[in-house]
């Protein structure tokens, strides 16, 4: 009986420690200084990986659902702006990510800018180096498809505001300018595996688009 009581006390102590750590993480992750520390660590990791400038002004997490990221900036290898976002706001069920479920109730992208190009004799687009940096160059043997861990998606409301996209490709002779002032949609069903999508409403305002075709370089 003494061994049993001792074993129960040890189990109770372990559970108490785990609960204490979870509560501590829950409290710390909502402190601005901790959020800023985490943001700087992520930015430093990405910069070290892609070898170009990356910055983010602010990360705010209202655990366990709302995540706000402001002032995201990516610079390309020519030191020009590749991507900038004034604000990304996501209402996501973070705990459900542990169960392979992406549940996004609200997603807002505000003040987005990107300039994608492949000019003259360039063999790749100005963002390809990022893909190569994270790909690692290692070839993996094809694995049999495992449907038991399929990620489930749920999207509800998506809002885009003040979106500007520039695309120029000398290889194909396309120069595109696209501006979107306001876009809002509500999605009832989003199942990319079965290609089932049910969109109940779409609202679009203030679109300005120009497409220029010219003689390709190849």
N, C-alpha and C. Protein backbone atom coordinates (compact mmCIF):
# COMPACT_ATOMS: atom_id res chain seq x y z
N UNK A 1 0.82 -1.21 0.00
CA UNK A 1 0.00 0.00 0.00
C UNK A 1 0.86 1.26 0.00
N UNK A 2 2.00 1.20 0.72
CA UNK A 2 2.88 2.36 0.74
C UNK A 2 3.42 2.66 -0.66
N UNK A 3 3.74 1.59 -1.38
CA UNK A 3 4.26 1.77 -2.76
C UNK A 3 3.18 2.39 -3.64
N UNK A 4 1.94 1.93 -3.48
CA UNK A 4 0.83 2.44 -4.27
C UNK A 4 0.59 3.92 -3.98
N UNK A 5 0.59 4.28 -2.66
CA UNK A 5 0.38 5.68 -2.30
C UNK A 5 1.51 6.56 -2.85
N UNK A 6 2.73 6.03 -2.78
CA UNK A 6 3.86 6.79 -3.30
C UNK A 6 3.74 6.98 -4.81
N UNK A 7 3.31 5.91 -5.50
CA UNK A 7 3.13 5.99 -6.95
C UNK A 7 2.06 7.02 -7.31
N UNK A 8 0.95 7.02 -6.56
CA UNK A 8 -0.15 7.97 -6.82
C UNK A 8 0.34 9.41 -6.58
N UNK A 9 1.14 9.60 -5.51
CA UNK A 9 1.66 10.94 -5.24
C UNK A 9 2.57 11.43 -6.37
N UNK A 10 3.40 10.51 -6.90
CA UNK A 10 4.30 10.88 -8.00
C UNK A 10 3.49 11.27 -9.24
N UNK A 11 2.46 10.46 -9.57
CA UNK A 11 1.61 10.76 -10.72
C UNK A 11 0.91 12.10 -10.52
N UNK A 12 0.38 12.33 -9.32
CA UNK A 12 -0.29 13.60 -9.02
C UNK A 12 0.67 14.77 -9.15
N UNK A 13 1.93 14.57 -8.70
CA UNK A 13 2.94 15.63 -8.80
C UNK A 13 3.26 15.94 -10.26
N UNK A 14 3.40 14.88 -11.08
CA UNK A 14 3.70 15.08 -12.51
C UNK A 14 2.56 15.82 -13.19
N UNK A 15 1.33 15.43 -12.91
CA UNK A 15 0.17 16.10 -13.51
C UNK A 15 0.11 17.57 -13.08
N UNK A 16 0.41 17.82 -11.81
CA UNK A 16 0.40 19.20 -11.29
C UNK A 16 1.45 20.06 -12.01
N UNK A 17 2.64 19.48 -12.21
CA UNK A 17 3.70 20.21 -12.90
C UNK A 17 3.29 20.52 -14.34
N UNK A 18 2.71 19.53 -15.02
CA UNK A 18 2.28 19.74 -16.40
C UNK A 18 1.22 20.82 -16.48
N UNK A 19 0.24 20.78 -15.57
CA UNK A 19 -0.81 21.79 -15.55
C UNK A 19 -0.23 23.17 -15.26
N UNK A 20 0.73 23.23 -14.34
CA UNK A 20 1.38 24.49 -14.01
C UNK A 20 2.11 25.06 -15.23
N UNK A 21 2.82 24.20 -15.96
CA UNK A 21 3.55 24.65 -17.14
C UNK A 21 2.59 25.14 -18.23
N UNK A 22 1.48 24.42 -18.40
CA UNK A 22 0.49 24.84 -19.40
C UNK A 22 -0.10 26.20 -19.05
N UNK A 23 -0.42 26.38 -17.78
CA UNK A 23 -0.97 27.67 -17.33
C UNK A 23 0.07 28.78 -17.49
N UNK A 24 1.33 28.45 -17.18
CA UNK A 24 2.40 29.43 -17.32
C UNK A 24 2.58 29.85 -18.77
N UNK A 25 2.59 28.87 -19.68
CA UNK A 25 2.71 29.16 -21.11
C UNK A 25 1.53 30.00 -21.58
N UNK A 26 0.32 29.63 -21.10
CA UNK A 26 -0.90 30.37 -21.47
C UNK A 26 -0.80 31.84 -21.05
N UNK A 27 -0.22 32.08 -19.87
CA UNK A 27 -0.09 33.46 -19.38
C UNK A 27 1.03 34.20 -20.12
N UNK A 28 2.19 33.53 -20.26
CA UNK A 28 3.34 34.20 -20.88
C UNK A 28 3.11 34.55 -22.34
N UNK A 29 2.39 33.68 -23.07
CA UNK A 29 2.24 33.89 -24.51
C UNK A 29 1.36 35.11 -24.80
N UNK A 30 0.66 35.62 -23.76
CA UNK A 30 -0.18 36.79 -23.95
C UNK A 30 0.52 38.08 -23.52
N UNK A 31 1.76 37.95 -23.02
CA UNK A 31 2.52 39.13 -22.62
C UNK A 31 3.23 39.69 -23.86
N UNK A 32 3.07 41.00 -24.16
CA UNK A 32 3.68 41.60 -25.36
C UNK A 32 5.17 41.34 -25.49
N UNK A 33 5.91 41.39 -24.38
CA UNK A 33 7.36 41.18 -24.44
C UNK A 33 7.69 39.76 -24.90
N UNK A 34 6.92 38.78 -24.45
CA UNK A 34 7.14 37.39 -24.86
C UNK A 34 6.76 37.22 -26.33
N UNK A 35 5.66 37.83 -26.74
CA UNK A 35 5.25 37.76 -28.13
C UNK A 35 6.28 38.41 -29.04
N UNK A 36 6.85 39.53 -28.61
CA UNK A 36 7.88 40.21 -29.39
C UNK A 36 9.14 39.36 -29.49
N UNK A 37 9.49 38.68 -28.39
CA UNK A 37 10.65 37.78 -28.38
C UNK A 37 10.45 36.64 -29.37
N UNK A 38 9.24 36.05 -29.36
CA UNK A 38 8.94 34.94 -30.28
C UNK A 38 8.98 35.42 -31.73
N UNK A 39 8.42 36.62 -31.96
CA UNK A 39 8.43 37.18 -33.32
C UNK A 39 9.85 37.40 -33.83
N UNK A 40 10.72 37.94 -32.98
CA UNK A 40 12.12 38.18 -33.38
C UNK A 40 12.85 36.88 -33.68
N UNK A 41 12.56 35.83 -32.91
CA UNK A 41 13.19 34.54 -33.14
C UNK A 41 12.79 33.97 -34.50
N UNK A 42 11.50 34.08 -34.83
CA UNK A 42 11.01 33.57 -36.11
C UNK A 42 11.61 34.36 -37.26
N UNK A 43 11.65 35.69 -37.13
CA UNK A 43 12.23 36.54 -38.17
C UNK A 43 13.70 36.22 -38.38
N UNK A 44 14.44 36.04 -37.29
CA UNK A 44 15.86 35.71 -37.39
C UNK A 44 16.07 34.37 -38.07
N UNK A 45 15.21 33.41 -37.77
CA UNK A 45 15.33 32.08 -38.39
C UNK A 45 15.10 32.18 -39.90
N UNK A 46 14.05 32.91 -40.30
CA UNK A 46 13.75 33.03 -41.74
C UNK A 46 14.87 33.77 -42.46
N UNK A 47 15.36 34.85 -41.85
CA UNK A 47 16.48 35.59 -42.46
C UNK A 47 17.70 34.71 -42.63
N UNK A 48 18.00 33.91 -41.63
CA UNK A 48 19.15 33.02 -41.73
C UNK A 48 18.96 31.96 -42.80
N UNK A 49 17.71 31.61 -43.05
CA UNK A 49 17.42 30.57 -44.03
C UNK A 49 17.49 31.10 -45.45
N UNK A 50 16.90 32.28 -45.71
CA UNK A 50 16.80 32.77 -47.09
C UNK A 50 17.87 33.81 -47.42
N UNK A 51 18.60 34.32 -46.40
CA UNK A 51 19.74 35.23 -46.60
C UNK A 51 19.34 36.57 -47.20
N UNK A 52 18.12 37.01 -46.99
CA UNK A 52 17.69 38.35 -47.36
C UNK A 52 16.93 38.96 -46.20
N UNK A 53 16.70 40.27 -46.27
CA UNK A 53 16.08 40.98 -45.15
C UNK A 53 14.61 40.59 -44.97
N UNK A 54 14.25 40.33 -43.72
CA UNK A 54 12.87 40.04 -43.33
C UNK A 54 12.58 40.82 -42.06
N UNK A 55 11.40 41.41 -41.96
CA UNK A 55 11.05 42.12 -40.74
C UNK A 55 9.55 42.02 -40.48
N UNK A 56 9.18 42.21 -39.22
CA UNK A 56 7.78 42.24 -38.81
C UNK A 56 7.69 43.19 -37.63
N UNK A 57 6.77 44.14 -37.71
CA UNK A 57 6.67 45.16 -36.68
C UNK A 57 6.10 44.62 -35.37
N UNK A 58 5.05 43.79 -35.49
CA UNK A 58 4.37 43.38 -34.26
C UNK A 58 3.64 42.06 -34.43
N UNK A 59 3.73 41.23 -33.41
CA UNK A 59 2.94 40.00 -33.33
C UNK A 59 2.09 40.06 -32.08
N UNK A 60 0.78 39.83 -32.24
CA UNK A 60 -0.13 39.86 -31.11
C UNK A 60 -0.96 38.58 -31.12
N UNK A 61 -0.94 37.87 -29.98
CA UNK A 61 -1.69 36.62 -29.86
C UNK A 61 -2.63 36.73 -28.68
N UNK A 62 -3.94 36.65 -28.96
CA UNK A 62 -4.94 36.57 -27.90
C UNK A 62 -5.33 35.11 -27.79
N UNK A 63 -4.56 34.36 -27.01
CA UNK A 63 -4.69 32.91 -26.94
C UNK A 63 -6.08 32.53 -26.42
N UNK A 64 -6.75 31.50 -27.00
CA UNK A 64 -6.19 30.57 -27.98
C UNK A 64 -6.68 30.78 -29.41
N UNK A 65 -7.23 31.99 -29.76
CA UNK A 65 -7.86 32.08 -31.07
C UNK A 65 -7.26 33.14 -31.98
N UNK A 66 -7.11 34.36 -31.53
CA UNK A 66 -6.79 35.45 -32.44
C UNK A 66 -5.29 35.70 -32.56
N UNK A 67 -4.81 35.79 -33.80
CA UNK A 67 -3.42 36.09 -34.09
C UNK A 67 -3.38 37.28 -35.04
N UNK A 68 -2.60 38.31 -34.68
CA UNK A 68 -2.47 39.51 -35.51
C UNK A 68 -0.99 39.76 -35.78
N UNK A 69 -0.65 39.90 -37.05
CA UNK A 69 0.73 40.17 -37.46
C UNK A 69 0.73 41.45 -38.29
N UNK A 70 1.58 42.41 -37.89
CA UNK A 70 1.59 43.71 -38.55
C UNK A 70 2.98 44.03 -39.11
N UNK A 71 2.98 44.72 -40.26
CA UNK A 71 4.21 45.22 -40.86
C UNK A 71 5.18 44.15 -41.31
N UNK A 72 4.70 43.17 -42.05
CA UNK A 72 5.55 42.08 -42.54
C UNK A 72 6.25 42.53 -43.84
N UNK A 73 7.55 42.34 -43.89
CA UNK A 73 8.33 42.79 -45.05
C UNK A 73 9.34 41.72 -45.45
N UNK A 74 9.36 41.41 -46.75
CA UNK A 74 10.35 40.50 -47.34
C UNK A 74 11.07 41.25 -48.45
N UNK A 75 12.39 41.16 -48.44
CA UNK A 75 13.21 41.80 -49.48
C UNK A 75 13.80 40.72 -50.37
N UNK A 76 13.84 40.97 -51.69
CA UNK A 76 14.40 39.97 -52.59
C UNK A 76 15.92 40.12 -52.67
N UNK A 77 16.55 39.33 -53.51
CA UNK A 77 18.00 39.31 -53.58
C UNK A 77 18.60 40.54 -54.23
N UNK A 78 17.77 41.34 -54.90
CA UNK A 78 18.21 42.62 -55.47
C UNK A 78 17.92 43.79 -54.54
N UNK A 79 17.52 43.46 -53.28
CA UNK A 79 17.20 44.44 -52.24
C UNK A 79 15.98 45.29 -52.59
N UNK A 80 15.09 44.75 -53.41
CA UNK A 80 13.82 45.39 -53.70
C UNK A 80 12.73 44.71 -52.87
N UNK A 81 11.59 45.38 -52.74
CA UNK A 81 10.48 44.82 -51.97
C UNK A 81 9.85 43.66 -52.73
N UNK A 82 9.88 42.49 -52.11
CA UNK A 82 9.22 41.34 -52.68
C UNK A 82 7.79 41.23 -52.16
N UNK A 83 7.62 41.50 -50.86
CA UNK A 83 6.30 41.37 -50.25
C UNK A 83 6.21 42.28 -49.03
N UNK A 84 5.05 42.91 -48.89
CA UNK A 84 4.76 43.71 -47.71
C UNK A 84 3.29 43.54 -47.36
N UNK A 85 3.01 43.39 -46.08
CA UNK A 85 1.62 43.31 -45.61
C UNK A 85 1.48 44.21 -44.39
N UNK A 86 0.54 45.13 -44.46
CA UNK A 86 0.30 46.04 -43.34
C UNK A 86 -0.24 45.30 -42.14
N UNK A 87 -1.20 44.39 -42.39
CA UNK A 87 -1.79 43.64 -41.28
C UNK A 87 -2.39 42.33 -41.75
N UNK A 88 -2.12 41.28 -41.00
CA UNK A 88 -2.76 39.98 -41.20
C UNK A 88 -3.43 39.60 -39.89
N UNK A 89 -4.74 39.42 -39.95
CA UNK A 89 -5.52 39.10 -38.76
C UNK A 89 -6.23 37.77 -38.97
N UNK A 90 -6.01 36.83 -38.06
CA UNK A 90 -6.57 35.49 -38.20
C UNK A 90 -7.26 35.09 -36.90
N UNK A 91 -8.48 34.62 -37.02
CA UNK A 91 -9.20 34.02 -35.90
C UNK A 91 -9.21 32.52 -36.14
N UNK A 92 -8.30 31.81 -35.47
CA UNK A 92 -8.09 30.40 -35.74
C UNK A 92 -8.11 29.60 -34.43
N UNK A 93 -8.70 28.44 -34.48
CA UNK A 93 -8.74 27.55 -33.31
C UNK A 93 -7.40 26.84 -33.19
N UNK A 94 -6.49 27.38 -32.37
CA UNK A 94 -5.13 26.86 -32.29
C UNK A 94 -5.08 25.44 -31.75
N UNK A 95 -5.93 25.12 -30.79
CA UNK A 95 -5.90 23.78 -30.21
C UNK A 95 -6.28 22.71 -31.24
N UNK A 96 -7.14 23.06 -32.20
CA UNK A 96 -7.57 22.08 -33.18
C UNK A 96 -6.47 21.73 -34.17
N UNK A 97 -5.42 22.55 -34.23
CA UNK A 97 -4.28 22.23 -35.10
C UNK A 97 -3.61 20.94 -34.66
N UNK A 98 -3.68 20.63 -33.37
CA UNK A 98 -3.09 19.39 -32.86
C UNK A 98 -3.83 18.17 -33.38
N UNK A 99 -5.08 18.33 -33.79
CA UNK A 99 -5.87 17.23 -34.33
C UNK A 99 -5.99 17.28 -35.84
N UNK A 100 -4.97 17.89 -36.52
CA UNK A 100 -4.96 17.98 -37.99
C UNK A 100 -6.21 18.66 -38.53
N UNK A 101 -6.63 19.71 -37.85
CA UNK A 101 -7.80 20.46 -38.31
C UNK A 101 -7.49 21.96 -38.30
N UNK A 102 -7.63 22.58 -39.48
CA UNK A 102 -7.43 24.01 -39.62
C UNK A 102 -8.80 24.67 -39.64
N UNK A 103 -9.12 25.34 -38.53
CA UNK A 103 -10.43 25.94 -38.36
C UNK A 103 -10.26 27.46 -38.27
N UNK A 104 -10.50 28.14 -39.40
CA UNK A 104 -10.33 29.59 -39.48
C UNK A 104 -11.72 30.24 -39.57
N UNK A 105 -12.08 30.95 -38.52
CA UNK A 105 -13.38 31.62 -38.52
C UNK A 105 -13.32 32.97 -39.23
N UNK A 106 -12.15 33.60 -39.20
CA UNK A 106 -12.02 34.92 -39.82
C UNK A 106 -10.58 35.14 -40.26
N UNK A 107 -10.40 35.61 -41.49
CA UNK A 107 -9.07 35.93 -42.01
C UNK A 107 -9.15 37.27 -42.73
N UNK A 108 -8.30 38.19 -42.32
CA UNK A 108 -8.26 39.52 -42.96
C UNK A 108 -6.83 39.87 -43.34
N UNK A 109 -6.65 40.27 -44.60
CA UNK A 109 -5.36 40.73 -45.11
C UNK A 109 -5.54 42.17 -45.57
N UNK A 110 -4.73 43.06 -44.99
CA UNK A 110 -4.92 44.50 -45.23
C UNK A 110 -3.59 45.13 -45.65
N UNK A 111 -3.63 45.94 -46.73
CA UNK A 111 -2.44 46.65 -47.17
C UNK A 111 -1.36 45.74 -47.70
N UNK A 112 -1.71 44.82 -48.58
CA UNK A 112 -0.76 43.84 -49.12
C UNK A 112 -0.16 44.34 -50.42
N UNK A 113 1.17 44.19 -50.55
CA UNK A 113 1.89 44.58 -51.76
C UNK A 113 2.87 43.47 -52.14
N UNK A 114 2.92 43.14 -53.42
CA UNK A 114 3.93 42.19 -53.88
C UNK A 114 4.32 42.52 -55.31
N UNK A 115 5.58 42.32 -55.61
CA UNK A 115 6.12 42.59 -56.94
C UNK A 115 6.89 41.35 -57.39
N UNK A 116 6.28 40.57 -58.27
CA UNK A 116 6.86 39.31 -58.74
C UNK A 116 7.32 39.51 -60.18
N UNK A 117 8.55 39.12 -60.46
CA UNK A 117 9.04 39.30 -61.83
C UNK A 117 10.14 38.30 -62.19
N UNK A 118 10.28 38.12 -63.49
CA UNK A 118 11.37 37.34 -64.10
C UNK A 118 11.81 38.15 -65.31
N UNK A 119 12.93 38.87 -65.18
CA UNK A 119 13.31 39.87 -66.15
C UNK A 119 14.46 39.40 -67.05
N UNK A 120 14.35 39.76 -68.33
CA UNK A 120 15.39 39.54 -69.33
C UNK A 120 15.93 38.12 -69.28
N UNK A 121 17.19 37.95 -68.89
CA UNK A 121 17.80 36.62 -68.96
C UNK A 121 17.69 35.83 -67.66
N UNK A 122 16.95 36.34 -66.69
CA UNK A 122 16.76 35.58 -65.45
C UNK A 122 16.08 34.25 -65.74
N UNK A 123 16.58 33.19 -65.14
CA UNK A 123 16.00 31.86 -65.38
C UNK A 123 14.90 31.52 -64.39
N UNK A 124 14.75 32.33 -63.36
CA UNK A 124 13.73 32.05 -62.35
C UNK A 124 13.11 33.35 -61.85
N UNK A 125 11.98 33.22 -61.18
CA UNK A 125 11.31 34.38 -60.61
C UNK A 125 12.06 34.86 -59.37
N UNK A 126 11.78 36.08 -58.95
CA UNK A 126 12.52 36.68 -57.84
C UNK A 126 12.15 36.10 -56.47
N UNK A 127 11.20 35.15 -56.43
CA UNK A 127 10.87 34.50 -55.16
C UNK A 127 11.34 33.04 -55.12
N UNK A 128 11.90 32.55 -56.21
CA UNK A 128 12.27 31.13 -56.28
C UNK A 128 13.33 30.74 -55.24
N UNK A 129 14.20 31.70 -54.89
CA UNK A 129 15.27 31.37 -53.93
C UNK A 129 14.70 31.00 -52.56
N UNK A 130 13.52 31.54 -52.23
CA UNK A 130 12.89 31.20 -50.94
C UNK A 130 12.42 29.75 -50.95
N UNK A 131 11.82 29.32 -52.06
CA UNK A 131 11.37 27.94 -52.19
C UNK A 131 12.55 26.99 -52.10
N UNK A 132 13.64 27.34 -52.78
CA UNK A 132 14.83 26.48 -52.76
C UNK A 132 15.45 26.42 -51.37
N UNK A 133 15.41 27.53 -50.64
CA UNK A 133 16.00 27.57 -49.29
C UNK A 133 15.28 26.62 -48.34
N UNK A 134 13.97 26.53 -48.45
CA UNK A 134 13.21 25.67 -47.55
C UNK A 134 13.06 24.25 -48.08
N UNK A 135 13.27 24.08 -49.40
CA UNK A 135 13.18 22.74 -49.97
C UNK A 135 14.34 21.87 -49.52
N UNK A 136 15.52 22.48 -49.39
CA UNK A 136 16.69 21.76 -48.87
C UNK A 136 17.42 20.94 -49.89
N UNK A 137 16.86 20.75 -51.06
CA UNK A 137 17.52 20.03 -52.13
C UNK A 137 17.60 18.53 -51.95
N UNK A 138 16.93 17.99 -50.93
CA UNK A 138 16.99 16.55 -50.71
C UNK A 138 15.79 15.88 -51.35
N UNK A 139 16.07 14.82 -52.07
CA UNK A 139 15.01 14.06 -52.72
C UNK A 139 14.51 12.98 -51.78
N UNK A 140 13.22 12.90 -51.66
CA UNK A 140 12.61 11.89 -50.79
C UNK A 140 11.91 10.84 -51.62
N UNK A 141 12.01 9.63 -51.13
CA UNK A 141 11.32 8.54 -51.80
C UNK A 141 9.82 8.72 -51.68
N UNK A 142 9.07 8.44 -52.74
CA UNK A 142 7.62 8.59 -52.66
C UNK A 142 7.03 7.68 -51.61
N UNK A 143 6.15 8.25 -50.78
CA UNK A 143 5.52 7.50 -49.72
C UNK A 143 4.08 7.17 -50.10
N UNK A 144 3.60 6.01 -49.65
CA UNK A 144 2.21 5.69 -49.93
C UNK A 144 1.28 6.68 -49.27
N UNK A 145 0.19 7.00 -49.94
CA UNK A 145 -0.73 7.99 -49.42
C UNK A 145 -1.41 7.50 -48.14
N UNK A 146 -1.36 8.35 -47.12
CA UNK A 146 -1.97 8.02 -45.83
C UNK A 146 -3.15 8.94 -45.60
N UNK A 147 -4.32 8.39 -45.69
CA UNK A 147 -5.53 9.21 -45.56
C UNK A 147 -5.95 9.37 -44.11
N UNK A 148 -5.29 8.65 -43.19
CA UNK A 148 -5.69 8.74 -41.78
C UNK A 148 -5.32 10.08 -41.16
N UNK A 149 -4.28 10.77 -41.72
CA UNK A 149 -3.84 12.04 -41.17
C UNK A 149 -4.20 13.21 -42.09
N UNK A 150 -5.24 13.07 -42.87
CA UNK A 150 -5.66 14.13 -43.77
C UNK A 150 -6.09 15.36 -42.97
N UNK A 151 -5.57 16.50 -43.38
CA UNK A 151 -5.91 17.74 -42.69
C UNK A 151 -7.30 18.21 -43.12
N UNK A 152 -8.11 18.52 -42.13
CA UNK A 152 -9.45 19.03 -42.40
C UNK A 152 -9.43 20.55 -42.35
N UNK A 153 -10.12 21.17 -43.30
CA UNK A 153 -10.16 22.62 -43.38
C UNK A 153 -11.57 23.14 -43.12
N UNK A 154 -11.63 24.22 -42.39
CA UNK A 154 -12.89 24.95 -42.24
C UNK A 154 -12.59 26.43 -42.34
N UNK A 155 -13.14 27.06 -43.35
CA UNK A 155 -12.99 28.50 -43.54
C UNK A 155 -14.37 29.15 -43.48
N UNK A 156 -14.44 30.29 -42.81
CA UNK A 156 -15.73 30.96 -42.70
C UNK A 156 -15.72 32.29 -43.46
N UNK A 157 -15.14 33.31 -42.90
CA UNK A 157 -15.18 34.64 -43.50
C UNK A 157 -13.78 35.10 -43.87
N UNK A 158 -13.62 35.56 -45.11
CA UNK A 158 -12.32 36.03 -45.61
C UNK A 158 -12.48 37.45 -46.13
N UNK A 159 -11.58 38.35 -45.71
CA UNK A 159 -11.65 39.76 -46.09
C UNK A 159 -10.28 40.20 -46.59
N UNK A 160 -10.25 40.80 -47.78
CA UNK A 160 -9.04 41.41 -48.33
C UNK A 160 -9.31 42.90 -48.53
N UNK A 161 -8.34 43.75 -48.12
CA UNK A 161 -8.46 45.20 -48.29
C UNK A 161 -7.15 45.78 -48.79
N UNK A 162 -7.24 46.65 -49.80
CA UNK A 162 -6.08 47.38 -50.29
C UNK A 162 -4.97 46.43 -50.73
N UNK A 163 -5.27 45.63 -51.76
CA UNK A 163 -4.34 44.62 -52.26
C UNK A 163 -3.76 45.06 -53.61
N UNK A 164 -2.44 45.06 -53.73
CA UNK A 164 -1.78 45.43 -54.98
C UNK A 164 -0.79 44.34 -55.38
N UNK A 165 -0.96 43.82 -56.59
CA UNK A 165 -0.10 42.76 -57.11
C UNK A 165 0.48 43.20 -58.45
N UNK A 166 1.81 43.15 -58.56
CA UNK A 166 2.49 43.43 -59.83
C UNK A 166 3.21 42.16 -60.28
N UNK A 167 3.05 41.85 -61.57
CA UNK A 167 3.66 40.64 -62.12
C UNK A 167 4.22 40.96 -63.50
N UNK A 168 5.49 40.66 -63.69
CA UNK A 168 6.11 40.88 -65.00
C UNK A 168 7.02 39.71 -65.32
N UNK A 169 6.82 39.13 -66.52
CA UNK A 169 7.60 37.98 -66.95
C UNK A 169 8.05 38.21 -68.38
N UNK A 170 9.33 38.53 -68.56
CA UNK A 170 9.87 38.76 -69.90
C UNK A 170 9.90 37.49 -70.74
N UNK A 171 9.96 36.33 -70.09
CA UNK A 171 10.03 35.07 -70.83
C UNK A 171 8.74 34.81 -71.61
N UNK A 172 7.61 35.16 -71.01
CA UNK A 172 6.31 34.92 -71.66
C UNK A 172 5.69 36.20 -72.20
N UNK A 173 6.28 37.35 -71.88
CA UNK A 173 5.77 38.61 -72.39
C UNK A 173 4.47 39.06 -71.72
N UNK A 174 4.43 39.02 -70.39
CA UNK A 174 3.24 39.42 -69.64
C UNK A 174 3.61 40.45 -68.58
N UNK A 175 2.86 41.54 -68.57
CA UNK A 175 3.04 42.59 -67.56
C UNK A 175 1.66 42.88 -66.97
N UNK A 176 1.48 42.54 -65.69
CA UNK A 176 0.16 42.61 -65.08
C UNK A 176 0.19 43.54 -63.87
N UNK A 177 -0.82 44.41 -63.79
CA UNK A 177 -1.04 45.27 -62.63
C UNK A 177 -2.45 44.99 -62.13
N UNK A 178 -2.58 44.64 -60.86
CA UNK A 178 -3.90 44.31 -60.32
C UNK A 178 -4.06 44.93 -58.94
N UNK A 179 -5.12 45.73 -58.80
CA UNK A 179 -5.42 46.35 -57.52
C UNK A 179 -6.84 45.97 -57.10
N UNK A 180 -6.97 45.56 -55.84
CA UNK A 180 -8.26 45.18 -55.29
C UNK A 180 -8.49 45.99 -54.02
N UNK A 181 -9.55 46.82 -54.06
CA UNK A 181 -9.84 47.66 -52.91
C UNK A 181 -10.48 46.91 -51.76
N UNK A 182 -11.55 46.17 -52.06
CA UNK A 182 -12.29 45.43 -51.03
C UNK A 182 -12.80 44.11 -51.60
N UNK A 183 -12.60 43.06 -50.82
CA UNK A 183 -13.11 41.74 -51.17
C UNK A 183 -13.54 41.03 -49.90
N UNK A 184 -14.73 40.47 -49.92
CA UNK A 184 -15.22 39.73 -48.76
C UNK A 184 -16.04 38.54 -49.23
N UNK A 185 -15.79 37.40 -48.61
CA UNK A 185 -16.54 36.20 -48.98
C UNK A 185 -16.83 35.37 -47.73
N UNK A 186 -17.88 34.61 -47.81
CA UNK A 186 -18.26 33.70 -46.73
C UNK A 186 -18.32 32.29 -47.32
N UNK A 187 -17.60 31.36 -46.70
CA UNK A 187 -17.46 30.01 -47.22
C UNK A 187 -18.17 29.03 -46.29
N UNK A 188 -19.06 28.25 -46.86
CA UNK A 188 -19.76 27.23 -46.06
C UNK A 188 -19.00 25.90 -46.03
N UNK A 189 -18.44 25.52 -47.19
CA UNK A 189 -17.71 24.25 -47.29
C UNK A 189 -16.41 24.47 -48.04
N UNK A 190 -15.30 23.96 -47.46
CA UNK A 190 -13.98 24.05 -48.10
C UNK A 190 -13.27 22.72 -47.92
N UNK A 191 -13.31 21.89 -48.97
CA UNK A 191 -12.72 20.55 -48.93
C UNK A 191 -11.84 20.36 -50.16
N UNK A 192 -10.54 20.76 -50.09
CA UNK A 192 -9.66 20.65 -51.25
C UNK A 192 -9.37 19.21 -51.66
N UNK A 193 -9.45 18.25 -50.73
CA UNK A 193 -9.20 16.85 -51.07
C UNK A 193 -10.26 16.31 -52.03
N UNK A 194 -11.50 16.65 -51.76
CA UNK A 194 -12.61 16.18 -52.60
C UNK A 194 -13.05 17.22 -53.61
N UNK A 195 -12.35 18.37 -53.62
CA UNK A 195 -12.67 19.47 -54.54
C UNK A 195 -14.13 19.89 -54.39
N UNK A 196 -14.55 20.05 -53.14
CA UNK A 196 -15.90 20.52 -52.85
C UNK A 196 -15.80 21.89 -52.18
N UNK A 197 -16.41 22.88 -52.81
CA UNK A 197 -16.38 24.24 -52.30
C UNK A 197 -17.78 24.84 -52.38
N UNK A 198 -18.21 25.42 -51.29
CA UNK A 198 -19.53 26.05 -51.25
C UNK A 198 -19.35 27.47 -50.71
N UNK A 199 -19.50 28.45 -51.60
CA UNK A 199 -19.33 29.86 -51.25
C UNK A 199 -20.70 30.52 -51.26
N UNK A 200 -21.12 31.01 -50.11
CA UNK A 200 -22.47 31.56 -50.01
C UNK A 200 -22.58 32.99 -50.51
N UNK A 201 -21.48 33.77 -50.39
CA UNK A 201 -21.56 35.17 -50.83
C UNK A 201 -20.18 35.70 -51.17
N UNK A 202 -20.13 36.63 -52.13
CA UNK A 202 -18.90 37.32 -52.52
C UNK A 202 -19.23 38.79 -52.77
N UNK A 203 -18.44 39.68 -52.17
CA UNK A 203 -18.59 41.11 -52.39
C UNK A 203 -17.24 41.68 -52.83
N UNK A 204 -17.23 42.37 -53.96
CA UNK A 204 -15.99 42.93 -54.51
C UNK A 204 -16.22 44.40 -54.86
N UNK A 205 -15.25 45.26 -54.48
CA UNK A 205 -15.32 46.69 -54.80
C UNK A 205 -13.94 47.19 -55.20
N UNK A 206 -13.95 48.20 -56.06
CA UNK A 206 -12.72 48.94 -56.40
C UNK A 206 -11.63 48.06 -56.99
N UNK A 207 -11.86 47.61 -58.20
CA UNK A 207 -10.86 46.81 -58.92
C UNK A 207 -10.24 47.64 -60.04
N UNK A 208 -8.92 47.60 -60.13
CA UNK A 208 -8.19 48.26 -61.21
C UNK A 208 -7.16 47.27 -61.73
N UNK A 209 -7.30 46.86 -62.99
CA UNK A 209 -6.41 45.83 -63.55
C UNK A 209 -5.95 46.22 -64.94
N UNK A 210 -4.68 45.96 -65.21
CA UNK A 210 -4.11 46.21 -66.54
C UNK A 210 -3.24 45.01 -66.92
N UNK A 211 -3.44 44.51 -68.12
CA UNK A 211 -2.64 43.40 -68.63
C UNK A 211 -2.01 43.84 -69.96
N UNK A 212 -0.69 43.82 -70.00
CA UNK A 212 0.03 44.22 -71.21
C UNK A 212 0.80 43.02 -71.74
N UNK A 213 0.53 42.67 -72.99
CA UNK A 213 1.25 41.58 -73.64
C UNK A 213 2.30 42.16 -74.59
N UNK A 214 3.50 41.60 -74.56
CA UNK A 214 4.56 42.09 -75.42
C UNK A 214 5.39 40.91 -75.91
N UNK A 215 6.35 41.18 -76.76
CA UNK A 215 7.15 40.13 -77.37
C UNK A 215 8.00 39.42 -76.29
N UNK A 216 7.83 38.12 -76.11
CA UNK A 216 8.61 37.40 -75.10
C UNK A 216 10.08 37.32 -75.47
N UNK A 217 10.92 37.14 -74.48
CA UNK A 217 12.37 37.11 -74.69
C UNK A 217 12.87 35.74 -75.13
N UNK A 218 12.00 34.71 -75.09
CA UNK A 218 12.42 33.38 -75.52
C UNK A 218 11.59 32.94 -76.71
